[in-house]
Amino acid sequence: MKMHLNVTGRVQGVGFRYTTYQMAVEIGLAGTVKNEDDGSVTIEAVGTKEQMEQFLTKLKKPQNPFAKVSHIEQYEDPTIKDYDQFNVVY
């Protein structure tokens, strides 16, 4: 399963990308997480349906006390490449 996620809220300047990276690696997802100019964070995630459900559940309530997720726009995107690991994009 290949998902494109756009996360809005207090998600930049609070370590959200690194928390997301740690969650993704722990769950076994591949993909990327990066900040966008509009203040949101974009995630491309590749994994099983079960891994994706677990990831989405954790994303909605970040472990990071400074981050606050207001909304997650999500859709399947078969054009996402087959990543072999998860990375933070700068």
N, C-alpha and C. Protein backbone atom coordinates (compact mmCIF):
# COMPACT_ATOMS: atom_id res chain seq x y z
N MET A 1 0.84 -1.17 0.00
CA MET A 1 0.00 0.00 0.00
C MET A 1 0.89 1.24 0.00
N LYS A 2 0.54 2.21 -0.84
CA LYS A 2 1.31 3.44 -0.94
C LYS A 2 0.39 4.61 -0.65
N MET A 3 0.71 5.36 0.42
CA MET A 3 -0.15 6.45 0.87
C MET A 3 0.58 7.78 0.81
N HIS A 4 -0.18 8.79 0.39
CA HIS A 4 0.28 10.18 0.44
C HIS A 4 -0.50 10.85 1.57
N LEU A 5 0.20 11.45 2.51
CA LEU A 5 -0.43 12.10 3.66
C LEU A 5 0.04 13.55 3.73
N ASN A 6 -0.90 14.45 4.01
CA ASN A 6 -0.54 15.84 4.25
C ASN A 6 -1.10 16.19 5.62
N VAL A 7 -0.20 16.51 6.55
CA VAL A 7 -0.57 16.74 7.94
C VAL A 7 -0.51 18.24 8.24
N THR A 8 -1.59 18.77 8.81
CA THR A 8 -1.62 20.17 9.20
C THR A 8 -1.82 20.28 10.71
N GLY A 9 -1.47 21.44 11.23
CA GLY A 9 -1.52 21.70 12.67
C GLY A 9 -0.20 22.32 13.09
N ARG A 10 0.18 22.10 14.35
CA ARG A 10 1.49 22.57 14.83
C ARG A 10 2.48 21.43 14.57
N VAL A 11 2.98 21.38 13.32
CA VAL A 11 3.80 20.24 12.91
C VAL A 11 5.16 20.65 12.35
N GLN A 12 5.48 21.95 12.37
CA GLN A 12 6.81 22.38 11.96
C GLN A 12 7.48 23.11 13.11
N GLY A 13 8.79 22.89 13.24
CA GLY A 13 9.56 23.55 14.28
C GLY A 13 9.40 22.92 15.65
N VAL A 14 8.79 21.73 15.69
CA VAL A 14 8.55 21.07 16.98
C VAL A 14 9.07 19.63 17.01
N GLY A 15 9.87 19.25 16.00
CA GLY A 15 10.42 17.90 15.95
C GLY A 15 9.47 16.85 15.41
N PHE A 16 8.40 17.29 14.76
CA PHE A 16 7.38 16.36 14.27
C PHE A 16 7.95 15.38 13.23
N ARG A 17 8.80 15.87 12.33
CA ARG A 17 9.37 14.98 11.30
C ARG A 17 10.19 13.86 11.94
N TYR A 18 10.93 14.17 12.98
CA TYR A 18 11.77 13.15 13.61
C TYR A 18 10.94 12.14 14.38
N THR A 19 9.88 12.62 15.03
CA THR A 19 8.96 11.71 15.71
C THR A 19 8.29 10.80 14.68
N THR A 20 7.88 11.38 13.55
CA THR A 20 7.25 10.61 12.48
C THR A 20 8.22 9.57 11.94
N TYR A 21 9.45 9.97 11.74
CA TYR A 21 10.50 9.05 11.28
C TYR A 21 10.63 7.86 12.23
N GLN A 22 10.72 8.15 13.52
CA GLN A 22 10.88 7.09 14.52
C GLN A 22 9.69 6.13 14.51
N MET A 23 8.47 6.69 14.41
CA MET A 23 7.27 5.84 14.36
C MET A 23 7.28 4.95 13.12
N ALA A 24 7.61 5.54 11.97
CA ALA A 24 7.61 4.80 10.70
C ALA A 24 8.62 3.65 10.74
N VAL A 25 9.81 3.93 11.24
CA VAL A 25 10.85 2.90 11.32
C VAL A 25 10.41 1.79 12.28
N GLU A 26 9.84 2.18 13.41
CA GLU A 26 9.37 1.21 14.41
C GLU A 26 8.29 0.29 13.81
N ILE A 27 7.40 0.86 13.00
CA ILE A 27 6.31 0.09 12.40
C ILE A 27 6.80 -0.72 11.19
N GLY A 28 7.89 -0.26 10.57
CA GLY A 28 8.44 -0.98 9.42
C GLY A 28 8.06 -0.39 8.07
N LEU A 29 7.65 0.90 8.07
CA LEU A 29 7.29 1.57 6.82
C LEU A 29 8.53 2.10 6.12
N ALA A 30 8.41 2.28 4.81
CA ALA A 30 9.42 2.97 4.03
C ALA A 30 8.78 4.25 3.51
N GLY A 31 9.59 5.23 3.11
CA GLY A 31 9.03 6.45 2.55
C GLY A 31 9.80 7.68 2.97
N THR A 32 9.08 8.83 2.99
CA THR A 32 9.71 10.10 3.34
C THR A 32 8.75 10.97 4.15
N VAL A 33 9.34 11.92 4.88
CA VAL A 33 8.57 12.96 5.57
C VAL A 33 9.30 14.27 5.33
N LYS A 34 8.54 15.31 4.94
CA LYS A 34 9.18 16.60 4.67
C LYS A 34 8.25 17.77 4.98
N ASN A 35 8.86 18.89 5.36
CA ASN A 35 8.12 20.13 5.60
C ASN A 35 7.73 20.76 4.27
N GLU A 36 6.56 21.41 4.24
CA GLU A 36 6.11 22.14 3.07
C GLU A 36 6.12 23.63 3.38
N ASP A 37 6.16 24.45 2.34
CA ASP A 37 6.21 25.91 2.51
C ASP A 37 4.96 26.46 3.19
N ASP A 38 3.83 25.75 3.10
CA ASP A 38 2.58 26.24 3.68
C ASP A 38 2.43 25.90 5.16
N GLY A 39 3.48 25.30 5.77
CA GLY A 39 3.44 24.96 7.19
C GLY A 39 2.97 23.54 7.47
N SER A 40 2.58 22.81 6.44
CA SER A 40 2.16 21.43 6.62
C SER A 40 3.36 20.49 6.47
N VAL A 41 3.12 19.21 6.70
CA VAL A 41 4.14 18.19 6.53
C VAL A 41 3.57 17.13 5.60
N THR A 42 4.36 16.74 4.58
CA THR A 42 3.94 15.71 3.64
C THR A 42 4.69 14.42 3.93
N ILE A 43 3.94 13.32 3.93
CA ILE A 43 4.51 12.00 4.16
C ILE A 43 4.14 11.10 2.99
N GLU A 44 5.12 10.41 2.44
CA GLU A 44 4.88 9.33 1.50
C GLU A 44 5.26 8.06 2.24
N ALA A 45 4.29 7.15 2.37
CA ALA A 45 4.53 5.94 3.16
C ALA A 45 4.19 4.70 2.35
N VAL A 46 5.05 3.69 2.47
CA VAL A 46 4.87 2.44 1.76
C VAL A 46 4.92 1.31 2.78
N GLY A 47 3.87 0.49 2.79
CA GLY A 47 3.81 -0.63 3.72
C GLY A 47 2.51 -1.39 3.55
N THR A 48 2.24 -2.30 4.47
CA THR A 48 1.01 -3.08 4.41
C THR A 48 -0.16 -2.24 4.93
N LYS A 49 -1.36 -2.71 4.68
CA LYS A 49 -2.55 -2.02 5.18
C LYS A 49 -2.51 -1.93 6.70
N GLU A 50 -2.11 -3.01 7.36
CA GLU A 50 -2.05 -3.04 8.82
C GLU A 50 -1.02 -2.03 9.35
N GLN A 51 0.14 -1.98 8.70
CA GLN A 51 1.16 -1.01 9.11
C GLN A 51 0.64 0.42 8.94
N MET A 52 -0.06 0.67 7.84
CA MET A 52 -0.59 2.00 7.57
C MET A 52 -1.63 2.40 8.61
N GLU A 53 -2.51 1.48 8.98
CA GLU A 53 -3.53 1.77 10.00
C GLU A 53 -2.87 2.10 11.33
N GLN A 54 -1.85 1.33 11.70
CA GLN A 54 -1.13 1.58 12.95
C GLN A 54 -0.45 2.95 12.91
N PHE A 55 0.17 3.27 11.78
CA PHE A 55 0.86 4.54 11.60
C PHE A 55 -0.11 5.71 11.70
N LEU A 56 -1.25 5.62 11.05
CA LEU A 56 -2.25 6.70 11.08
C LEU A 56 -2.77 6.92 12.50
N THR A 57 -3.00 5.84 13.22
CA THR A 57 -3.47 5.95 14.60
C THR A 57 -2.44 6.70 15.44
N LYS A 58 -1.17 6.37 15.29
CA LYS A 58 -0.12 7.04 16.06
C LYS A 58 0.07 8.49 15.62
N LEU A 59 -0.06 8.74 14.31
CA LEU A 59 0.11 10.11 13.80
C LEU A 59 -0.92 11.06 14.38
N LYS A 60 -2.14 10.57 14.57
CA LYS A 60 -3.23 11.43 15.07
C LYS A 60 -2.99 11.88 16.50
N LYS A 61 -2.22 11.10 17.26
CA LYS A 61 -1.88 11.48 18.63
C LYS A 61 -0.37 11.37 18.80
N PRO A 62 0.36 12.37 18.30
CA PRO A 62 1.83 12.28 18.31
C PRO A 62 2.40 12.16 19.72
N GLN A 63 3.48 11.38 19.82
CA GLN A 63 4.19 11.22 21.09
C GLN A 63 4.87 12.52 21.50
N ASN A 64 5.13 13.36 20.52
CA ASN A 64 5.80 14.63 20.75
C ASN A 64 4.84 15.61 21.43
N PRO A 65 5.14 16.07 22.66
CA PRO A 65 4.20 16.94 23.38
C PRO A 65 4.05 18.33 22.76
N PHE A 66 4.96 18.73 21.89
CA PHE A 66 4.89 20.06 21.28
C PHE A 66 4.08 20.07 19.99
N ALA A 67 3.91 18.91 19.39
CA ALA A 67 3.18 18.83 18.12
C ALA A 67 1.68 18.67 18.37
N LYS A 68 0.89 19.24 17.45
CA LYS A 68 -0.56 19.07 17.51
C LYS A 68 -1.06 18.88 16.08
N VAL A 69 -1.65 17.71 15.82
CA VAL A 69 -2.19 17.41 14.50
C VAL A 69 -3.63 17.87 14.44
N SER A 70 -3.92 18.77 13.49
CA SER A 70 -5.30 19.25 13.31
C SER A 70 -6.04 18.41 12.28
N HIS A 71 -5.34 18.05 11.20
CA HIS A 71 -6.00 17.33 10.10
C HIS A 71 -4.98 16.51 9.33
N ILE A 72 -5.40 15.34 8.86
CA ILE A 72 -4.56 14.52 7.98
C ILE A 72 -5.36 14.24 6.72
N GLU A 73 -4.87 14.79 5.61
CA GLU A 73 -5.45 14.48 4.31
C GLU A 73 -4.70 13.26 3.80
N GLN A 74 -5.41 12.23 3.37
CA GLN A 74 -4.74 11.01 2.97
C GLN A 74 -5.39 10.40 1.74
N TYR A 75 -4.57 9.83 0.89
CA TYR A 75 -5.09 9.09 -0.25
C TYR A 75 -4.04 8.10 -0.73
N GLU A 76 -4.52 7.01 -1.32
CA GLU A 76 -3.60 6.04 -1.91
C GLU A 76 -3.02 6.63 -3.17
N ASP A 77 -1.73 6.43 -3.37
CA ASP A 77 -1.05 6.98 -4.54
C ASP A 77 -0.12 5.92 -5.12
N PRO A 78 -0.59 5.20 -6.14
CA PRO A 78 0.23 4.13 -6.71
C PRO A 78 1.49 4.63 -7.42
N THR A 79 1.59 5.96 -7.64
CA THR A 79 2.77 6.50 -8.33
C THR A 79 3.95 6.72 -7.39
N ILE A 80 3.74 6.58 -6.08
CA ILE A 80 4.85 6.70 -5.12
C ILE A 80 5.84 5.58 -5.39
N LYS A 81 7.13 5.95 -5.42
CA LYS A 81 8.15 4.94 -5.73
C LYS A 81 8.28 3.93 -4.59
N ASP A 82 8.91 2.82 -4.88
CA ASP A 82 9.15 1.78 -3.88
C ASP A 82 10.40 2.14 -3.07
N TYR A 83 10.20 2.81 -1.97
CA TYR A 83 11.31 3.15 -1.09
C TYR A 83 11.83 1.91 -0.38
N ASP A 84 13.11 1.92 -0.05
CA ASP A 84 13.65 0.78 0.69
C ASP A 84 13.90 1.10 2.17
N GLN A 85 13.69 2.38 2.54
CA GLN A 85 13.82 2.79 3.94
C GLN A 85 13.02 4.08 4.13
N PHE A 86 12.94 4.56 5.36
CA PHE A 86 12.22 5.80 5.65
C PHE A 86 13.24 6.90 5.92
N ASN A 87 13.02 8.08 5.33
CA ASN A 87 13.97 9.19 5.47
C ASN A 87 13.27 10.50 5.74
N VAL A 88 13.97 11.38 6.46
CA VAL A 88 13.54 12.77 6.62
C VAL A 88 14.13 13.55 5.45
N VAL A 89 13.29 14.30 4.74
CA VAL A 89 13.74 15.08 3.59
C VAL A 89 13.89 16.54 4.06
N TYR A 90 15.01 17.15 3.69
CA TYR A 90 15.28 18.54 4.09
C TYR A 90 15.02 19.48 2.95
